[in-house]
Protein backbone atom coordinates (compact mmCIF):
# COMPACT_ATOMS: atom_id res chain seq x y z
CA MET A 1 43.34 -35.14 91.26
CA ALA A 2 41.54 -36.74 88.45
CA LYS A 3 40.71 -34.63 85.40
CA GLY A 4 37.03 -34.19 84.58
CA LYS A 5 35.72 -35.64 81.37
CA GLN A 6 35.72 -32.97 78.59
CA GLU A 7 32.28 -32.32 77.07
CA GLU A 8 32.11 -33.21 73.39
CA ALA A 9 30.94 -30.60 70.84
CA PRO A 10 27.51 -31.24 69.35
CA ALA A 11 27.41 -32.82 65.90
CA GLY A 12 26.73 -30.68 62.84
CA SER A 13 27.35 -27.00 62.14
CA PRO A 14 27.26 -24.48 64.93
CA ALA A 15 23.93 -22.70 65.48
CA TRP A 16 25.33 -19.32 64.54
CA MET A 17 26.28 -20.65 61.09
CA ALA A 18 22.65 -21.52 60.26
CA THR A 19 21.55 -18.03 61.24
CA PHE A 20 24.35 -16.52 59.20
CA SER A 21 23.43 -18.65 56.17
CA ASP A 22 19.78 -17.58 56.37
CA LEU A 23 20.89 -13.94 56.55
CA MET A 24 23.11 -14.32 53.50
CA ASN A 25 20.28 -15.99 51.55
CA LEU A 26 17.90 -13.17 52.45
CA LEU A 27 20.46 -10.57 51.38
CA LEU A 28 21.03 -12.42 48.10
CA CYS A 29 17.30 -12.59 47.42
CA PHE A 30 16.96 -8.92 48.31
CA PHE A 31 19.63 -7.82 45.82
CA VAL A 32 18.32 -10.16 43.10
CA LEU A 33 14.89 -8.62 43.61
CA LEU A 34 16.33 -5.11 43.38
CA PHE A 35 18.17 -6.05 40.19
CA SER A 36 15.11 -7.63 38.60
CA MET A 37 12.98 -4.56 39.35
CA SER A 38 15.60 -2.02 38.31
CA SER A 39 14.20 -1.84 34.74
CA THR A 40 10.52 -2.19 35.55
CA ASP A 41 8.18 0.23 33.84
CA VAL A 42 6.24 1.59 36.81
CA ALA A 43 3.31 2.76 34.73
CA LYS A 44 2.91 -0.61 33.04
CA PHE A 45 3.38 -2.42 36.32
CA ASN A 46 0.60 -0.37 37.90
CA GLU A 47 -1.61 -1.13 34.91
CA VAL A 48 -0.91 -4.83 35.31
CA VAL A 49 -1.73 -4.66 39.01
CA ALA A 50 -4.97 -2.83 38.35
CA SER A 51 -5.88 -5.22 35.53
CA LEU A 52 -5.18 -8.32 37.60
CA GLN A 53 -6.97 -6.92 40.60
CA SER A 54 -10.05 -6.27 38.50
CA ALA A 55 -9.94 -9.42 36.39
CA PHE A 56 -8.71 -12.03 38.85
CA SER A 57 -9.00 -10.48 42.33
CA ILE A 58 -5.59 -11.79 43.34
CA LEU A 59 -4.20 -8.75 45.11
CA PRO A 60 -6.70 -7.52 47.74
CA ALA A 61 -6.27 -8.65 51.33
CA GLY A 62 -7.98 -11.86 52.27
CA GLY A 63 -7.98 -15.23 50.57
CA GLN A 64 -8.94 -15.24 46.92
CA SER A 65 -9.05 -18.16 44.54
CA ILE A 66 -7.28 -18.23 41.18
CA GLY A 67 -7.74 -21.24 38.97
CA ASP A 68 -8.27 -24.63 40.51
CA GLY A 69 -7.39 -24.68 44.23
CA THR A 70 -4.69 -21.98 44.14
CA MET A 71 -5.02 -19.53 47.01
CA VAL A 72 -3.51 -16.11 47.52
CA GLY A 73 -3.98 -14.13 50.68
CA SER A 74 -2.29 -12.01 53.33
CA GLY A 75 1.24 -13.25 53.99
CA ILE A 76 1.15 -15.80 51.15
CA SER A 77 3.37 -15.06 48.17
CA GLN A 78 3.60 -18.45 46.46
CA LEU A 79 1.69 -18.16 43.18
CA PRO A 80 2.64 -20.79 40.59
CA GLU A 81 3.14 -19.48 37.05
CA LEU A 82 2.59 -15.85 38.05
CA ASP A 83 4.35 -14.72 34.89
CA VAL A 84 1.71 -16.49 32.82
CA TYR A 85 -1.06 -14.44 34.41
CA PHE A 86 0.85 -11.20 33.91
CA HIS A 87 1.62 -12.04 30.28
CA GLU A 88 -1.94 -13.02 29.42
CA ALA A 89 -3.40 -9.98 31.13
CA MET A 90 -1.06 -7.56 29.36
CA HIS A 91 -1.51 -9.29 26.01
CA GLN A 92 -5.27 -9.19 26.28
CA LYS A 93 -5.23 -5.51 27.18
CA SER A 94 -2.81 -4.73 24.34
CA VAL A 95 -4.94 -6.57 21.77
CA GLU A 96 -8.13 -4.90 22.97
CA GLY A 97 -6.44 -1.50 22.78
CA GLU A 98 -5.21 -2.17 19.23
CA ASP A 99 -8.67 -3.33 18.16
CA GLU A 100 -10.26 -0.21 19.59
CA ASP A 101 -7.69 2.05 17.94
CA SER A 102 -8.11 0.20 14.65
CA ASP A 103 -11.87 0.43 14.76
CA ASP A 104 -11.79 4.08 15.74
CA SER A 105 -9.24 5.07 13.11
CA GLY A 106 -10.93 2.99 10.42
CA GLY A 107 -14.32 4.40 11.29
CA LYS A 108 -13.01 7.94 11.38
CA THR A 109 -11.25 7.47 8.04
CA ASP A 110 -14.35 6.05 6.35
CA LYS A 111 -16.49 8.81 7.78
CA ALA A 112 -14.05 11.48 6.63
CA LEU A 113 -13.94 10.01 3.12
CA GLU A 114 -17.71 9.91 2.95
CA GLU A 115 -17.91 13.54 4.07
CA VAL A 116 -15.38 14.61 1.42
CA LYS A 117 -17.22 12.62 -1.24
CA GLU A 118 -20.56 14.13 -0.27
CA ALA A 119 -19.14 17.66 -0.18
CA GLY A 120 -17.49 17.16 -3.58
CA ASN A 121 -20.66 15.76 -5.09
CA ASN A 122 -22.71 18.70 -3.79
CA GLU A 123 -20.24 21.24 -5.16
CA SER A 124 -20.01 19.49 -8.53
CA GLU A 125 -23.80 19.40 -8.80
CA GLN A 126 -23.99 23.13 -8.12
CA MET A 127 -21.26 23.80 -10.67
CA ALA A 128 -23.06 21.67 -13.26
CA GLU A 129 -26.26 23.65 -12.81
CA GLU A 130 -24.39 26.94 -13.11
CA ILE A 131 -22.52 25.83 -16.24
CA GLU A 132 -25.66 24.49 -17.87
CA GLN A 133 -27.44 27.78 -17.19
CA LYS A 134 -24.60 29.82 -18.67
CA LEU A 135 -24.36 27.56 -21.73
CA SER A 136 -28.09 27.99 -22.28
CA GLU A 137 -27.68 31.75 -22.12
CA ALA A 138 -24.87 31.45 -24.68
CA GLY A 139 -27.10 29.33 -26.92
CA ILE A 140 -24.82 26.27 -27.05
CA ALA A 141 -26.28 24.02 -24.30
CA GLU A 142 -27.72 21.58 -26.85
CA GLN A 143 -24.25 20.93 -28.27
CA VAL A 144 -22.77 19.96 -24.91
CA ASN A 145 -23.52 16.91 -22.80
CA ILE A 146 -23.06 17.64 -19.07
CA ASP A 147 -22.63 15.19 -16.20
CA PHE A 148 -20.74 15.26 -12.91
CA ASN A 149 -19.35 13.22 -10.03
CA GLU A 150 -17.73 14.04 -6.69
CA GLN A 151 -14.55 15.20 -8.45
CA TYR A 152 -15.55 17.23 -11.49
CA VAL A 153 -18.14 18.42 -13.98
CA ARG A 154 -17.63 16.84 -17.41
CA LEU A 155 -18.54 18.61 -20.64
CA THR A 156 -18.58 16.27 -23.64
CA LEU A 157 -18.18 17.77 -27.12
CA ASN A 158 -18.82 15.92 -30.37
CA GLY A 159 -15.54 15.45 -32.21
CA GLY A 160 -17.28 15.68 -35.57
CA ILE A 161 -18.16 19.30 -34.83
CA LEU A 162 -14.61 20.19 -33.88
CA PHE A 163 -12.37 18.33 -36.34
CA LEU A 164 -12.29 16.88 -39.81
CA SER A 165 -11.67 13.15 -40.06
CA GLY A 166 -8.06 12.30 -39.25
CA GLN A 167 -7.21 15.93 -38.41
CA ALA A 168 -6.31 17.68 -35.14
CA ASP A 169 -6.77 21.33 -36.08
CA LEU A 170 -9.98 23.00 -34.93
CA GLN A 171 -12.35 23.67 -37.80
CA LYS A 172 -12.93 27.35 -38.49
CA ASN A 173 -16.68 27.09 -37.90
CA ALA A 174 -16.08 25.31 -34.57
CA LYS A 175 -14.05 28.13 -33.04
CA PRO A 176 -17.00 30.41 -32.12
CA PHE A 177 -18.57 27.48 -30.30
CA VAL A 178 -15.35 26.69 -28.39
CA ARG A 179 -14.90 30.40 -27.60
CA LYS A 180 -18.34 30.65 -25.98
CA LEU A 181 -17.75 27.44 -24.09
CA THR A 182 -14.37 28.64 -22.88
CA LYS A 183 -15.79 31.88 -21.47
CA VAL A 184 -18.09 29.83 -19.28
CA VAL A 185 -15.38 27.42 -18.16
CA ALA A 186 -12.82 30.18 -17.56
CA GLN A 187 -14.96 31.53 -14.71
CA TYR A 188 -13.54 28.65 -12.68
CA ASN A 189 -9.96 29.83 -13.17
CA GLU A 190 -8.90 28.63 -9.72
CA ASN A 191 -9.96 25.07 -10.51
CA ILE A 192 -8.13 22.40 -12.45
CA ILE A 193 -9.44 22.08 -16.00
CA GLU A 194 -8.52 19.00 -18.00
CA VAL A 195 -9.07 18.48 -21.72
CA GLU A 196 -9.21 14.85 -22.90
CA GLY A 197 -9.20 13.68 -26.50
CA HIS A 198 -10.91 10.40 -27.49
CA THR A 199 -11.20 8.50 -30.78
CA ASP A 200 -12.94 5.43 -32.14
CA ASN A 201 -11.04 2.19 -32.72
CA VAL A 202 -10.55 2.58 -36.47
CA PRO A 203 -6.76 2.40 -36.95
CA ILE A 204 -5.01 5.48 -38.26
CA HIS A 205 -1.50 5.84 -39.59
CA SER A 206 -0.23 8.89 -41.37
CA ALA A 207 2.88 10.99 -41.68
CA LYS A 208 1.63 13.22 -38.84
CA PHE A 209 -0.18 10.79 -36.54
CA ALA A 210 1.24 7.36 -35.86
CA ASN A 211 -1.92 6.08 -34.17
CA ASN A 212 -5.12 7.09 -32.41
CA ASN A 213 -3.28 7.88 -29.18
CA VAL A 214 -1.23 10.55 -30.93
CA LEU A 215 -4.27 11.89 -32.77
CA SER A 216 -6.35 12.18 -29.60
CA THR A 217 -3.49 13.91 -27.77
CA PHE A 218 -3.04 16.51 -30.51
CA ARG A 219 -6.79 17.16 -30.59
CA ALA A 220 -6.82 17.77 -26.84
CA LEU A 221 -3.80 20.06 -27.19
CA SER A 222 -5.50 21.98 -30.00
CA VAL A 223 -8.56 22.69 -27.84
CA ALA A 224 -6.44 23.57 -24.77
CA ASP A 225 -4.29 25.99 -26.77
CA TYR A 226 -7.35 27.73 -28.21
CA MET A 227 -8.89 28.01 -24.74
CA LYS A 228 -5.75 29.77 -23.50
CA LYS A 229 -5.78 32.02 -26.53
CA VAL A 230 -9.35 33.30 -26.19
CA SER A 231 -9.64 33.53 -22.38
CA ASP A 232 -7.76 34.20 -19.18
CA VAL A 233 -7.95 30.56 -18.06
CA ASN A 234 -5.03 29.75 -15.76
CA PRO A 235 -2.42 27.86 -17.85
CA ALA A 236 -0.93 26.31 -14.71
CA LEU A 237 -4.24 24.60 -13.99
CA LEU A 238 -5.04 23.63 -17.58
CA LYS A 239 -4.16 20.04 -18.50
CA PHE A 240 -4.59 17.97 -21.65
CA SER A 241 -4.27 14.30 -22.48
CA GLY A 242 -5.08 11.81 -25.21
CA ARG A 243 -6.90 8.59 -24.36
CA GLY A 244 -7.13 7.15 -27.86
CA SER A 245 -9.86 4.51 -28.21
CA TYR A 246 -9.40 3.03 -24.74
CA VAL A 247 -12.36 4.74 -23.02
CA PRO A 248 -15.33 4.31 -25.36
CA VAL A 249 -18.81 5.49 -24.40
CA ALA A 250 -20.52 3.43 -27.10
CA LYS A 251 -19.86 0.33 -29.19
CA ASN A 252 -17.49 0.76 -32.08
CA THR A 253 -19.41 -1.80 -34.16
CA THR A 254 -21.75 0.87 -35.56
CA ALA A 255 -21.17 4.22 -37.27
CA GLU A 256 -23.30 5.94 -34.64
CA GLY A 257 -21.28 4.40 -31.83
CA ARG A 258 -17.97 5.38 -33.42
CA ALA A 259 -19.23 8.94 -33.85
CA LYS A 260 -20.01 9.15 -30.12
CA ASN A 261 -16.56 7.84 -29.25
CA ARG A 262 -14.88 10.55 -31.34
CA ARG A 263 -15.18 13.28 -28.74
CA VAL A 264 -13.42 15.81 -26.54
CA GLU A 265 -14.15 15.96 -22.82
CA ILE A 266 -13.51 19.04 -20.70
CA LYS A 267 -13.42 18.25 -16.99
CA VAL A 268 -13.78 21.14 -14.56
CA TYR A 269 -12.69 19.89 -11.14
CA ASN A 270 -14.36 21.27 -8.05
CA SER A 271 -12.39 23.20 -5.44
CA ILE A 272 -11.94 20.15 -3.20
CA TYR A 273 -10.10 18.10 -5.82
CA SER A 274 -8.31 21.10 -7.29
CA LYS A 275 -6.23 21.40 -4.11
CA ASN A 276 -4.37 18.13 -4.72
């Protein structure tokens, strides 16, 4: 009996191998996708989705166009350069948020500074009026020049009334004047009080004072010490400093100008700037 001809196997891989390969590829893609999303910030991802949906309309069902001829719709997941869209959308949102925060914080800061400045100016003005009234009652208002700013009220005293030329000790006939002035200033014993000494630019050199800086400092100290002696002004809030000839209020080319520059300034800070 003759043997039948054996059927030859079809060329190529068996059919089951193609199915198995597709399954392995799908599993690989599935695990790669899980790995790539394992560190995703859900909140940011949702923000990106919402931003893209609003800006580009790429996520709702139905065909939508992005760019030139690129379509996205139900069942279609091929979107070239998707990462570019995500990056640009997030960057734009981040920049806009920073600009808004910057504008808000800058505006709030400027507004707060203006409010503090206005409040300080109002308080200093009220203090200046009170001090001027009290100095008038004491009969010494004409010997004191008063001005103010948002930080303090400044009382300017003529140095020629207080000291002899080249000296830092208060003259005997100047002490009653300083005593009356101190009683007025001491009413603000919770405020910072600063005494500044100033001179003209005529050089000085003696055994006691090396230069105008030293002389102006000792003059300020002399006034501050006498203020503490004749009143209950708070020593912790009483400061003194010497500015020498560096802050003139008039030209030093004339005798009148030099006389104005030889002065002592008493600055009474308002409550706002006494806290710092």
